[in-house]
Structure formats: C-alpha cells, structure tokens
C-alpha cells in the first residue's frame, strides 16, 4: 500500500512540474478610460488648438485605445457600450474667424471608436484635419 502511494505521489508531482505551455493567448490591453464619463454635451472648459499632426500616427486596425489616450491625454468624454466597444471624444479649438470687430473660435471634435479588444476601428476627425 505504501509503495502504491509513493508511485501515485511521484506521478502527481511530475505532472504538476511539467513545462508551462507556450501556446499564445489573446490578452486584451487595460482600458485607460473604462465605463462612461466626461462631458459629451455642452461647452468644454478648455479646448487646445487643433494640431493636425496629432492624428498622423493613428491607424485603424492597429492603434490601441491606450495609445490614443497616451498621445492625446484625457478625453472630453468617453463611453463603453455593453458589447465592449467604446469611444473617446476630444474637443479642440478650430480656426478663429472674424465678423466685423468680433472674433469667434469654433469648437471642433475628434472621435475615436474602438472594438471590444480596444483596437481603433474608426476615426472621425475635424473637417480641417480631413482637408475639407
């Protein structure tokens, strides 16, 4: 009986100390802005000047939500939908226009949509950034 227990114990130890699996696993990156927050309506408290080169390194299907957030900072608003897709929204000051003695600076928005794996799936850039 003791011999059987010894063999069983050695077999169990050998099975537990087997080499770890090298099988690739899909890891979803951490979400820098989970859930929903910020302001999606109203006038932003601060809107930096629009700089077209800020968006040049973003590529649909490649860029992650964390990379967009790291490059652009805190969004004006963000939302995560029940299916795991999400959106970040950034407000910028557009080019000023003058009407008589008055000037006006419009607020323009850049929106970034991400799939459930937090990979950029669509960009909606201000008209000025699209060359329109």
Protein backbone atom coordinates (compact mmCIF):
# COMPACT_ATOMS: atom_id res chain seq x y z
CA UNK A 1 0.00 0.00 0.00
CA UNK A 2 2.84 2.37 0.84
CA UNK A 3 4.52 1.58 -2.49
CA UNK A 4 1.32 2.47 -4.38
CA UNK A 5 1.03 5.81 -2.54
CA UNK A 6 4.68 6.61 -3.31
CA UNK A 7 4.20 5.92 -7.03
CA UNK A 8 0.97 7.95 -7.06
CA UNK A 9 2.67 10.86 -5.29
CA UNK A 10 5.66 10.84 -7.69
CA UNK A 11 3.33 10.73 -10.70
CA UNK A 12 1.34 13.69 -9.36
CA UNK A 13 4.48 15.76 -8.66
CA UNK A 14 5.85 15.02 -12.15
CA UNK A 15 2.57 16.07 -13.77
CA UNK A 16 2.45 19.32 -11.77
CA UNK A 17 6.01 20.29 -12.67
CA UNK A 18 5.55 19.88 -16.41
CA UNK A 19 6.88 22.72 -18.59
CA UNK A 20 4.50 25.67 -18.97
CA UNK A 21 2.51 25.95 -22.15
CA UNK A 22 3.96 28.11 -24.90
CA UNK A 23 0.57 28.39 -26.58
CA UNK A 24 -0.21 32.04 -27.48
CA UNK A 25 -3.12 33.60 -25.68
CA UNK A 26 -5.01 36.72 -26.63
CA UNK A 27 -4.65 39.42 -23.97
CA UNK A 28 -6.91 42.44 -24.12
CA UNK A 29 -4.95 45.54 -23.01
CA UNK A 30 -6.03 47.52 -19.95
CA UNK A 31 -8.67 50.17 -20.61
CA UNK A 32 -7.40 53.66 -19.71
CA UNK A 33 -10.98 55.02 -19.64
CA UNK A 34 -13.44 52.24 -18.72
CA UNK A 35 -17.16 52.85 -18.38
CA UNK A 36 -18.54 56.26 -19.27
CA UNK A 37 -17.54 59.73 -18.15
CA UNK A 38 -16.58 63.25 -19.02
CA UNK A 39 -18.85 65.58 -20.95
CA UNK A 40 -20.44 64.70 -24.25
CA UNK A 41 -22.64 67.79 -24.31
CA UNK A 42 -22.01 71.42 -23.52
CA UNK A 43 -19.01 73.66 -23.91
CA UNK A 44 -15.67 72.20 -22.85
CA UNK A 45 -13.82 74.05 -20.11
CA UNK A 46 -10.61 74.01 -22.14
CA UNK A 47 -10.07 73.14 -25.78
CA UNK A 48 -6.46 73.10 -27.02
CA UNK A 49 -5.67 74.33 -30.52
CA UNK A 50 -6.21 71.79 -33.25
CA UNK A 51 -2.92 70.31 -34.44
CA UNK A 52 -3.34 68.06 -37.45
CA UNK A 53 -0.12 66.10 -36.85
CA UNK A 54 -1.50 64.70 -33.57
CA UNK A 55 -3.56 62.21 -35.57
CA UNK A 56 -0.95 61.12 -38.13
CA UNK A 57 0.32 58.13 -36.12
CA UNK A 58 -3.12 56.59 -35.55
CA UNK A 59 -4.10 53.69 -37.81
CA UNK A 60 -7.42 51.86 -37.89
CA UNK A 61 -6.93 48.18 -37.01
CA UNK A 62 -3.56 48.81 -35.34
CA UNK A 63 -3.62 51.65 -32.81
CA UNK A 64 -4.90 50.81 -29.31
CA UNK A 65 -7.15 52.87 -27.06
CA UNK A 66 -4.26 53.23 -24.60
CA UNK A 67 -2.03 54.64 -27.36
CA UNK A 68 -4.62 57.25 -28.35
CA UNK A 69 -5.15 58.24 -24.71
CA UNK A 70 -1.37 58.44 -24.11
CA UNK A 71 -0.88 60.65 -27.17
CA UNK A 72 -3.86 62.98 -26.67
CA UNK A 73 -4.39 62.98 -22.89
CA UNK A 74 -7.70 62.92 -21.05
CA UNK A 75 -10.68 62.94 -23.43
CA UNK A 76 -13.56 65.38 -23.12
CA UNK A 77 -15.88 62.38 -22.94
CA UNK A 78 -15.79 58.59 -23.15
CA UNK A 79 -18.27 55.75 -23.26
CA UNK A 80 -18.06 51.97 -23.16
CA UNK A 81 -21.05 50.10 -24.61
CA UNK A 82 -22.46 46.78 -23.30
CA UNK A 83 -20.83 44.89 -26.21
CA UNK A 84 -17.37 46.15 -25.14
CA UNK A 85 -16.94 48.68 -27.95
CA UNK A 86 -16.03 52.20 -26.85
CA UNK A 87 -15.44 55.78 -27.94
CA UNK A 88 -13.14 58.61 -26.86
CA UNK A 89 -14.10 62.20 -27.76
CA UNK A 90 -11.67 65.13 -27.79
CA UNK A 91 -12.52 68.83 -28.14
CA UNK A 92 -10.25 71.30 -29.96
CA UNK A 93 -10.33 75.00 -30.79
CA UNK A 94 -10.80 75.41 -34.52
CA UNK A 95 -9.51 78.32 -36.58
CA UNK A 96 -10.79 81.73 -35.44
CA UNK A 97 -12.99 83.77 -37.73
CA UNK A 98 -13.72 87.49 -37.60
CA UNK A 99 -17.07 89.11 -38.18
CA UNK A 100 -16.65 92.86 -38.06
CA UNK A 101 -14.88 93.69 -34.81
CA UNK A 102 -15.82 90.36 -33.20
CA UNK A 103 -13.96 87.06 -33.43
CA UNK A 104 -15.26 83.58 -32.85
CA UNK A 105 -13.41 80.34 -32.26
CA UNK A 106 -15.42 77.22 -33.02
CA UNK A 107 -15.06 74.02 -31.03
CA UNK A 108 -14.32 71.01 -33.24
CA UNK A 109 -14.30 67.36 -32.17
CA UNK A 110 -12.22 64.29 -32.91
CA UNK A 111 -13.87 60.96 -32.06
CA UNK A 112 -12.18 57.60 -31.91
CA UNK A 113 -14.13 54.31 -31.89
CA UNK A 114 -12.63 51.08 -30.59
CA UNK A 115 -13.69 47.45 -30.93
CA UNK A 116 -14.16 45.15 -27.92
CA UNK A 117 -10.40 44.40 -27.99
CA UNK A 118 -9.66 48.15 -27.64
CA UNK A 119 -8.26 48.46 -31.16
CA UNK A 120 -9.10 51.58 -33.18
CA UNK A 121 -11.97 50.78 -35.57
CA UNK A 122 -12.95 54.27 -36.82
CA UNK A 123 -11.76 57.88 -36.58
CA UNK A 124 -13.98 60.91 -37.04
CA UNK A 125 -11.65 63.87 -37.35
CA UNK A 126 -12.48 67.58 -37.54
CA UNK A 127 -13.16 68.84 -41.05
CA UNK A 128 -9.91 70.83 -41.03
CA UNK A 129 -7.98 67.61 -40.33
CA UNK A 130 -9.61 65.89 -43.30
CA UNK A 131 -8.52 68.67 -45.63
CA UNK A 132 -12.11 69.73 -46.31
